N, C-alpha and C. Protein backbone atom coordinates (compact mmCIF):
# COMPACT_ATOMS: atom_id res chain seq x y z
N MET A 1 12.33 14.13 -4.11
CA MET A 1 11.97 13.46 -3.01
C MET A 1 12.03 11.74 -3.42
N LYS A 2 12.66 11.14 -2.09
CA LYS A 2 12.90 9.79 -2.20
C LYS A 2 12.07 9.50 -1.58
N LEU A 3 11.53 8.09 -1.60
CA LEU A 3 10.10 7.31 -0.41
C LEU A 3 11.07 6.23 -0.67
N LEU A 4 10.30 5.76 0.80
CA LEU A 4 10.58 4.03 0.93
C LEU A 4 9.28 3.70 1.28
N LEU A 5 8.42 2.76 0.63
CA LEU A 5 7.37 2.09 0.44
C LEU A 5 7.19 0.99 1.32
N ASP A 6 6.19 1.43 1.93
CA ASP A 6 5.71 0.09 3.27
C ASP A 6 5.31 -1.02 2.58
N GLU A 7 5.12 -2.21 3.32
CA GLU A 7 5.21 -3.68 2.41
C GLU A 7 3.51 -3.66 1.71
N MET A 8 2.86 -2.76 1.51
CA MET A 8 0.97 -2.95 1.56
C MET A 8 1.28 -2.07 0.05
N ASN A 9 2.63 -1.41 -0.66
CA ASN A 9 2.34 -1.04 -1.66
C ASN A 9 3.30 -1.55 -2.73
N PRO A 10 2.92 -1.77 -3.81
CA PRO A 10 3.65 -2.90 -4.71
C PRO A 10 4.87 -2.09 -5.41
N ARG A 11 5.73 -3.09 -6.00
CA ARG A 11 6.61 -2.88 -6.85
C ARG A 11 6.42 -1.86 -7.52
N ALA A 12 5.31 -1.95 -8.82
CA ALA A 12 4.88 -1.55 -9.73
C ALA A 12 5.05 -0.29 -9.60
N LEU A 13 4.25 0.10 -8.09
CA LEU A 13 4.36 1.83 -7.55
C LEU A 13 5.76 2.37 -7.43
N ALA A 14 6.52 1.91 -6.96
CA ALA A 14 8.03 2.37 -6.76
C ALA A 14 8.40 2.71 -8.69
N GLU A 15 7.56 2.00 -9.66
CA GLU A 15 8.47 2.14 -11.23
C GLU A 15 7.63 2.87 -11.66
N ALA A 16 6.50 3.61 -11.07
CA ALA A 16 5.46 4.21 -11.67
C ALA A 16 6.18 5.49 -11.13
N LEU A 17 6.34 5.65 -10.15
CA LEU A 17 6.82 7.07 -9.13
C LEU A 17 8.45 6.98 -9.91
N GLY A 18 9.13 6.07 -9.97
CA GLY A 18 10.33 6.53 -10.55
C GLY A 18 10.36 7.29 -11.69
N GLN A 19 9.00 6.76 -12.66
CA GLN A 19 9.26 7.48 -14.30
C GLN A 19 8.81 9.01 -14.12
N ILE A 20 8.37 9.69 -12.99
CA ILE A 20 8.35 10.87 -13.03
C ILE A 20 9.34 11.33 -11.92
N GLY A 21 10.48 10.29 -12.06
CA GLY A 21 11.36 11.10 -10.97
C GLY A 21 11.59 11.45 -9.44
N ILE A 22 10.85 10.13 -8.84
CA ILE A 22 10.85 10.46 -7.89
C ILE A 22 11.74 8.74 -7.10
N ASP A 23 12.60 9.06 -6.80
CA ASP A 23 13.24 7.92 -6.08
C ASP A 23 12.78 7.06 -5.15
N ALA A 24 12.39 5.95 -5.21
CA ALA A 24 11.34 4.80 -4.66
C ALA A 24 11.48 3.95 -4.76
N VAL A 25 11.83 2.98 -3.74
CA VAL A 25 12.13 1.89 -3.02
C VAL A 25 11.49 1.10 -1.96
N THR A 26 11.30 -0.20 -2.38
CA THR A 26 10.51 -0.75 -1.40
C THR A 26 11.34 -1.61 -0.38
N VAL A 27 10.60 -2.05 0.84
CA VAL A 27 11.02 -2.80 1.43
C VAL A 27 11.87 -4.00 1.03
N ALA A 28 11.39 -5.20 -0.05
CA ALA A 28 11.70 -5.80 -0.31
C ALA A 28 13.23 -5.05 -1.47
N ASP A 29 13.00 -4.35 -1.75
CA ASP A 29 14.50 -3.70 -2.07
C ASP A 29 15.54 -3.70 -1.29
N LEU A 30 15.30 -3.50 0.31
CA LEU A 30 16.49 -3.41 1.17
C LEU A 30 16.17 -4.50 1.47
N ARG A 31 15.58 -5.66 1.26
CA ARG A 31 15.88 -6.61 2.27
C ARG A 31 15.02 -6.63 3.50
N ILE A 32 14.20 -6.06 3.88
CA ILE A 32 14.02 -6.03 5.67
C ILE A 32 12.19 -5.85 5.08
N SER A 33 11.57 -6.71 4.39
CA SER A 33 9.99 -6.97 4.16
C SER A 33 10.07 -8.28 5.58
N GLY A 34 8.97 -7.63 6.41
CA GLY A 34 8.49 -8.61 7.39
C GLY A 34 9.39 -8.13 8.83
N ALA A 35 9.93 -6.79 7.99
CA ALA A 35 10.99 -6.30 9.63
C ALA A 35 9.65 -5.63 10.60
N PRO A 36 9.97 -5.44 11.71
CA PRO A 36 9.23 -4.54 12.42
C PRO A 36 9.12 -3.20 12.05
N ASP A 37 7.83 -2.58 12.00
CA ASP A 37 8.21 -0.86 11.92
C ASP A 37 9.25 -0.29 12.45
N SER A 38 9.43 -0.26 13.59
CA SER A 38 10.65 0.44 14.39
C SER A 38 12.00 -0.12 12.63
N GLU A 39 11.79 -0.75 12.62
CA GLU A 39 13.24 -0.99 11.52
C GLU A 39 12.95 -0.27 9.86
N VAL A 40 12.25 -0.50 10.03
CA VAL A 40 11.76 0.04 8.32
C VAL A 40 11.63 1.49 8.42
N PHE A 41 11.68 2.34 9.71
CA PHE A 41 11.39 3.74 9.96
C PHE A 41 12.87 3.98 10.28
N ALA A 42 13.36 3.96 10.69
CA ALA A 42 15.19 3.61 10.35
C ALA A 42 15.59 3.81 9.90
N ALA A 43 15.62 2.36 8.64
CA ALA A 43 15.92 2.19 7.55
C ALA A 43 15.85 3.50 6.49
N ALA A 44 14.64 4.27 6.93
CA ALA A 44 14.23 5.28 6.17
C ALA A 44 15.12 6.53 6.21
N ARG A 45 15.22 7.01 7.95
CA ARG A 45 15.96 7.94 8.26
C ARG A 45 17.31 8.05 7.65
N ALA A 46 17.85 6.50 7.60
CA ALA A 46 19.32 6.38 7.32
C ALA A 46 19.88 6.78 6.14
N ASP A 47 18.71 6.76 5.37
CA ASP A 47 18.94 6.86 3.76
C ASP A 47 17.77 8.43 3.20
N LYS A 48 17.93 8.90 4.64
CA LYS A 48 16.84 10.21 4.24
C LYS A 48 15.74 9.83 3.19
N ARG A 49 15.07 9.04 3.27
CA ARG A 49 13.47 8.44 3.03
C ARG A 49 12.44 9.23 3.77
N ALA A 50 11.41 9.37 2.86
CA ALA A 50 9.78 9.54 3.57
C ALA A 50 9.60 8.54 3.60
N VAL A 51 8.61 7.69 4.67
CA VAL A 51 8.26 6.44 4.78
C VAL A 51 6.24 6.64 3.65
N LEU A 52 6.28 5.75 3.14
CA LEU A 52 5.00 5.10 2.55
C LEU A 52 4.42 4.38 3.12
N THR A 53 3.00 4.86 3.66
CA THR A 53 2.13 3.62 4.54
C THR A 53 1.13 4.18 4.46
N GLU A 54 0.26 2.55 5.43
CA GLU A 54 -0.96 3.16 5.46
C GLU A 54 -1.25 2.82 6.35
N ASN A 55 -0.09 2.69 7.23
CA ASN A 55 -0.06 1.84 9.16
C ASN A 55 0.35 3.50 9.98
N VAL A 56 -0.63 3.89 9.92
CA VAL A 56 -0.87 4.87 10.68
C VAL A 56 -0.66 4.87 11.90
N ALA A 57 -1.28 3.69 13.04
CA ALA A 57 -0.87 3.93 14.45
C ALA A 57 0.78 3.79 14.37
N ASP A 58 1.37 2.55 13.94
CA ASP A 58 2.09 2.20 14.67
C ASP A 58 3.72 3.40 14.18
N PHE A 59 3.60 3.94 12.92
CA PHE A 59 4.32 4.86 12.45
C PHE A 59 4.31 6.64 13.08
N ILE A 60 2.90 6.43 13.36
CA ILE A 60 2.68 8.04 14.09
C ILE A 60 3.51 7.70 15.23
N ARG A 61 3.05 7.05 16.03
CA ARG A 61 3.77 6.45 17.39
C ARG A 61 5.38 7.11 17.32
N LEU A 62 6.09 5.98 16.42
CA LEU A 62 7.55 6.16 15.85
C LEU A 62 8.15 7.43 15.55
N ALA A 63 7.15 8.47 15.23
CA ALA A 63 7.61 9.77 14.53
C ALA A 63 7.47 10.41 16.04
N ALA A 64 6.42 10.36 16.96
CA ALA A 64 5.76 11.31 17.57
C ALA A 64 7.20 10.89 19.03
N GLU A 65 7.68 10.06 19.05
CA GLU A 65 8.81 9.20 20.36
C GLU A 65 10.23 9.90 19.85
N LEU A 66 10.72 10.03 18.50
CA LEU A 66 11.83 10.06 18.09
C LEU A 66 11.58 11.82 17.92
N LEU A 67 10.41 12.63 17.36
CA LEU A 67 10.37 14.12 17.58
C LEU A 67 10.92 14.55 19.05
N THR A 68 10.05 13.77 20.17
CA THR A 68 9.87 13.89 21.21
C THR A 68 10.98 14.05 22.09
N ALA A 69 11.80 13.17 21.63
CA ALA A 69 13.57 12.73 22.15
C ALA A 69 14.80 13.45 21.51
N GLY A 70 14.17 14.27 20.85
CA GLY A 70 14.60 15.54 20.00
C GLY A 70 15.38 15.64 18.57
N GLY A 71 14.79 14.40 17.65
CA GLY A 71 15.62 14.00 16.38
C GLY A 71 14.81 14.10 15.60
N HIS A 72 14.82 13.78 14.56
CA HIS A 72 14.04 14.07 12.80
C HIS A 72 13.75 12.78 12.32
N HIS A 73 13.25 13.42 11.17
CA HIS A 73 12.64 12.24 9.91
C HIS A 73 12.43 13.08 9.16
N SER A 74 12.60 12.40 7.80
CA SER A 74 12.58 12.48 6.21
C SER A 74 11.17 13.25 6.21
N ARG A 75 10.01 12.95 6.74
CA ARG A 75 8.33 12.35 6.48
C ARG A 75 8.13 11.20 6.76
N LEU A 76 6.33 11.56 6.97
CA LEU A 76 6.00 10.01 7.30
C LEU A 76 4.60 10.60 6.30
N VAL A 77 4.24 9.72 5.12
CA VAL A 77 3.10 10.14 4.13
C VAL A 77 2.25 9.04 4.21
N ILE A 78 0.97 8.89 4.60
CA ILE A 78 0.29 8.37 5.18
C ILE A 78 -0.77 7.87 3.46
N ALA A 79 -1.32 6.83 2.88
CA ALA A 79 -1.74 6.65 2.48
C ALA A 79 -2.97 5.43 2.66
N LEU A 80 -4.14 6.19 2.80
CA LEU A 80 -5.08 4.96 3.17
C LEU A 80 -5.65 3.71 2.21
N SER A 81 -5.70 2.99 3.00
CA SER A 81 -6.33 1.82 1.64
C SER A 81 -8.13 2.50 1.47
N SER A 82 -8.61 3.32 1.72
CA SER A 82 -9.28 3.80 1.87
C SER A 82 -10.01 4.77 0.86
N ARG A 83 -9.15 5.72 0.52
CA ARG A 83 -8.55 6.75 -0.52
C ARG A 83 -7.97 5.90 -1.72
N PHE A 84 -6.99 5.13 -1.74
CA PHE A 84 -5.96 4.31 -2.76
C PHE A 84 -6.56 2.95 -2.47
N SER A 85 -6.52 2.30 -3.98
CA SER A 85 -6.49 0.95 -3.74
C SER A 85 -5.72 0.22 -4.09
N ARG A 86 -5.02 -0.86 -3.14
CA ARG A 86 -3.87 -1.67 -3.69
C ARG A 86 -3.69 -2.29 -4.92
N ARG A 87 -5.06 -2.44 -5.62
CA ARG A 87 -5.30 -2.61 -6.55
C ARG A 87 -4.53 -2.18 -7.90
N PRO A 88 -3.77 -2.42 -9.00
CA PRO A 88 -3.21 -1.89 -9.97
C PRO A 88 -3.85 -0.76 -10.86
N ALA A 89 -5.27 -0.64 -10.58
CA ALA A 89 -6.17 0.71 -11.18
C ALA A 89 -5.78 2.14 -9.89
N GLY A 90 -5.01 1.89 -8.58
CA GLY A 90 -4.51 2.39 -7.83
C GLY A 90 -3.29 3.15 -7.87
N ILE A 91 -2.59 2.50 -8.64
CA ILE A 91 -1.29 3.22 -8.89
C ILE A 91 -1.32 4.49 -9.34
N GLY A 92 -2.21 4.80 -10.06
CA GLY A 92 -2.24 5.85 -11.09
C GLY A 92 -2.35 7.62 -10.08
N PRO A 93 -3.60 7.32 -9.30
CA PRO A 93 -3.73 8.30 -8.48
C PRO A 93 -3.26 8.23 -7.53
N LEU A 94 -2.64 7.45 -6.93
CA LEU A 94 -1.68 7.35 -5.42
C LEU A 94 -0.19 8.43 -6.36
N THR A 95 0.71 7.98 -7.41
CA THR A 95 1.02 8.56 -8.01
C THR A 95 1.12 10.13 -8.30
N THR A 96 -0.04 10.21 -8.59
CA THR A 96 -0.32 11.72 -8.89
C THR A 96 -0.49 12.34 -7.40
N ALA A 97 -0.61 11.91 -6.44
CA ALA A 97 -0.97 12.57 -5.03
C ALA A 97 0.72 12.49 -4.70
N VAL A 98 1.30 11.66 -4.48
CA VAL A 98 2.75 11.84 -4.57
C VAL A 98 3.16 12.86 -4.95
N ALA A 99 3.04 12.81 -6.20
CA ALA A 99 3.78 13.69 -7.27
C ALA A 99 3.53 15.20 -7.05
N ALA A 100 2.82 15.69 -6.20
CA ALA A 100 1.87 17.24 -5.76
C ALA A 100 2.85 17.12 -4.72
N LEU A 101 3.19 16.17 -3.97
CA LEU A 101 4.08 17.08 -2.39
C LEU A 101 5.50 17.19 -2.97
N VAL A 102 5.98 17.02 -3.85
CA VAL A 102 7.54 16.66 -4.32
C VAL A 102 8.20 18.10 -4.13
N ALA A 103 7.25 19.61 -4.29
CA ALA A 103 8.17 20.14 -4.36
C ALA A 103 7.69 21.59 -1.77
N GLU A 104 7.10 20.13 -1.75
CA GLU A 104 7.04 20.69 -0.60
C GLU A 104 7.92 20.15 0.61
N ASP A 105 7.80 21.27 2.07
CA ASP A 105 9.29 20.88 2.76
C ASP A 105 8.42 19.95 3.80
N LEU A 106 8.58 18.51 3.92
CA LEU A 106 7.51 17.98 4.60
C LEU A 106 8.64 17.13 5.99
N ASN A 107 9.94 17.83 6.47
CA ASN A 107 10.28 17.02 7.19
C ASN A 107 9.84 16.96 8.52
N ASP A 108 9.93 16.34 9.18
CA ASP A 108 9.35 16.21 10.17
C ASP A 108 7.96 16.07 10.91
N ARG A 109 7.35 16.40 9.38
CA ARG A 109 5.63 15.89 9.27
C ARG A 109 4.82 15.18 9.03
N VAL A 110 4.20 14.80 9.19
CA VAL A 110 3.13 13.57 8.90
C VAL A 110 2.31 14.10 7.94
N VAL A 111 1.79 13.50 6.48
CA VAL A 111 1.00 14.15 5.68
C VAL A 111 -0.37 13.05 5.21
N TYR A 112 -1.27 13.10 5.67
CA TYR A 112 -2.26 11.90 4.62
C TYR A 112 -2.61 12.75 3.78
N LEU A 113 -2.17 11.78 2.53
CA LEU A 113 -2.84 11.85 0.86
C LEU A 113 -4.06 11.87 0.88
N GLN A 114 -4.33 12.65 -0.47
CA GLN A 114 -5.64 12.90 -0.73
C GLN A 114 -5.52 12.30 -2.40
N ARG A 115 -7.07 12.08 -2.90
CA ARG A 115 -6.97 11.60 -4.10
C ARG A 115 -6.95 13.33 -4.89
N CYS A 116 -6.31 13.25 -5.36
CA CYS A 116 -6.21 14.86 -5.88
C CYS A 116 -8.16 15.67 -6.76
N HIS A 117 -8.88 14.55 -6.99
CA HIS A 117 -10.03 14.69 -7.42
C HIS A 117 -10.73 15.41 -5.75
N ASP A 118 -10.26 14.94 -4.21
CA ASP A 118 -11.17 14.98 -3.45
C ASP A 118 -10.40 16.18 -3.11
N ARG A 119 -9.45 17.25 -3.46
CA ARG A 119 -9.24 18.29 -2.95
C ARG A 119 -9.81 19.61 -3.37
N PRO A 120 -10.02 20.38 -2.21
CA PRO A 120 -10.92 21.48 -2.38
C PRO A 120 -10.38 22.50 -4.07
């Protein structure tokens, strides 16, 4: 799985994901910090990366517009701050939740991550 981490996700998360074999880069790595969400989404699509974000409204709209127009995206992964802390202690649970998605085919899908202990 290849991920593009939106601005609210720290570099330490990309490093933690890399340690378990997930290719993760941040918007800062791509030099698009502060760019409009449409540019972040386009960068992810160009490199066949899923976007990991908590920005539901904008990215859901972008994904829906793309699919309506007949396009495709690699996936959209939503990690709400109400479920995953953006502090260092939240990196472990978020890494675990992302790792659980690796085997799934998520193309053109939107997935809301859950903390592993929240799953049935």
